[in-house]
């Protein structure tokens, strides 16, 4: 292997992401020969899930036409908005995530991979009576359609495992399909200029119809954004412009773009000129600035070739936060050195006076991205999963950094969200899903047993906790865990927390999935409504509520 010239292959692997064009990749006999090689050399193996991981398993049905569901406890408030709550998540085809075995070694997908599936709950009112309908549907990306047509697993896992197996799997995927890996579109949903999109950061967003959930195609801003797209784009305060970023395996490793409010034009694009491919999941905005967190979780093909992992978290490497004007170039970025961390999710960013920028996120000391079934029952999992609300105050004038944890060391939380009206502005409240550490440790997968309300500018009253912020908790019943929690603003609301928290929950003892509606202003009380679903809804990722104006 040392004498083999990898440079031609490496050059191809580091090309920017391409649109799929299966008809022009390799034709006829060549395609069949490569397929025969893959079929003979690689054996697909199902991931085996333990009972504690049962609700991470995919479902094999779609309710495209929708089914009526009913409130089993409480009632939907009269001033709840007409609209749809949609949550995205991984729902792998062909029975679940796959591993491969070959003479080149083993490779597997990681727990965040798998085709996207949208789960939607529609709220409509007729003659004073609420009607609620549930639908679910796959996000039908080009790679989804390809594997459905072939009716078998086709893309080789190329994320985690033996280096040679991952490298060759990536190359064979590219050789056959023009892609290193499939387009999952399983992480989040967002709205821009009246259109809805499903997204995961390995490809461009997929537009879908709000009423049918039907996939309408890729969105590349009329050909101006031909690279990956963050799962958490941000609406710029005031302008309505959409700020996004794209991460790539080759230079430019990270670019940030500003899309017009009507979604038709790319108004600005800047290469951050990083010297590594940082696996950054979310960016932030304020009224004047964009914020990028450069933490030491990286992807590196060269490291893979030398026998190391493709994805690696190295806490001995640097961590920085970059702040730059909305339309700034790379020279305008003000970099602030911060303590090494892994921060996937930002709660909010805002400007405090003329000089300070405040960034609040869920910060961990390690990365959990590669955790999965192999880590079931790990004694170290609690520490690895541990994530706290953390604040960085960045002084644009002096360069000083003040960072502090806002929440206690015995509570792990992530997947933060706010009233989106306050994105990029100083806000009072934040919300997070709270990890159930014992259940997460037993299963080796993250489970969230409640939701926290954070009072961002109010301190705890006890003397021993004077540096920590006030919190309230909404805890679920035993063996019940949530995903995709989102804030629903009250029609005509005055206060920031005038509204509700909505979330999918699943009771693992009864195997029943529901949707809870929680009063954000009466947070610790019982949900105002519990809506029982007709089917099991697997755990997923991010969700949001979209008002529909009838």
Foldseek 3Di string as FASTA:
>chain_A
DVPDDCVVVVVLLQDFQDDWDLVPQDDDPVLVVLQVVCVVFKDKDADDADLLQVLLKADDDWFLVWDWFDFPDFDDDLLFFFFKWKAKFAHAPPGHWIKIQGPQWIATAFSRFHAMKMWMWGWDDDPRDITIIITMDTQCAVVNVVCVVVVHDDQHHQADTWLRSNSVSQSSCCSNIVGSGDARLGFEWDDAQRWIWGFDQQAATFTADRPRRHTDGGQQLQVPRGHGWAREWAQAPPQQWTKIKHAGQDPLRMKIWTAHRNSNDTPAIERLPDPFNAPARDWAAANFKTKGKRAQWGAYSVCSVVTHGRTDHDQVDWIWMWIATPRDYNVRTDIATDRHWDFRFWAAWEADPDFKIKTKTWTASAALRRWDQVQALPPCVLNRQATFTKMWIAGNPPRDIDIDTADDRVWGWHPKYFLSSQHNHDDQKIKTFTWPSVSCNNRRHTFGFWMKIWGPPAWDPDPVGRRHTDMDIAGDDPQKTWAAKEWRAGVVDDHRQRTWIWIWMARSVVRWIWIFTARSVNHHDGTSTIITDPHHNRHGHHMYIDRDDD
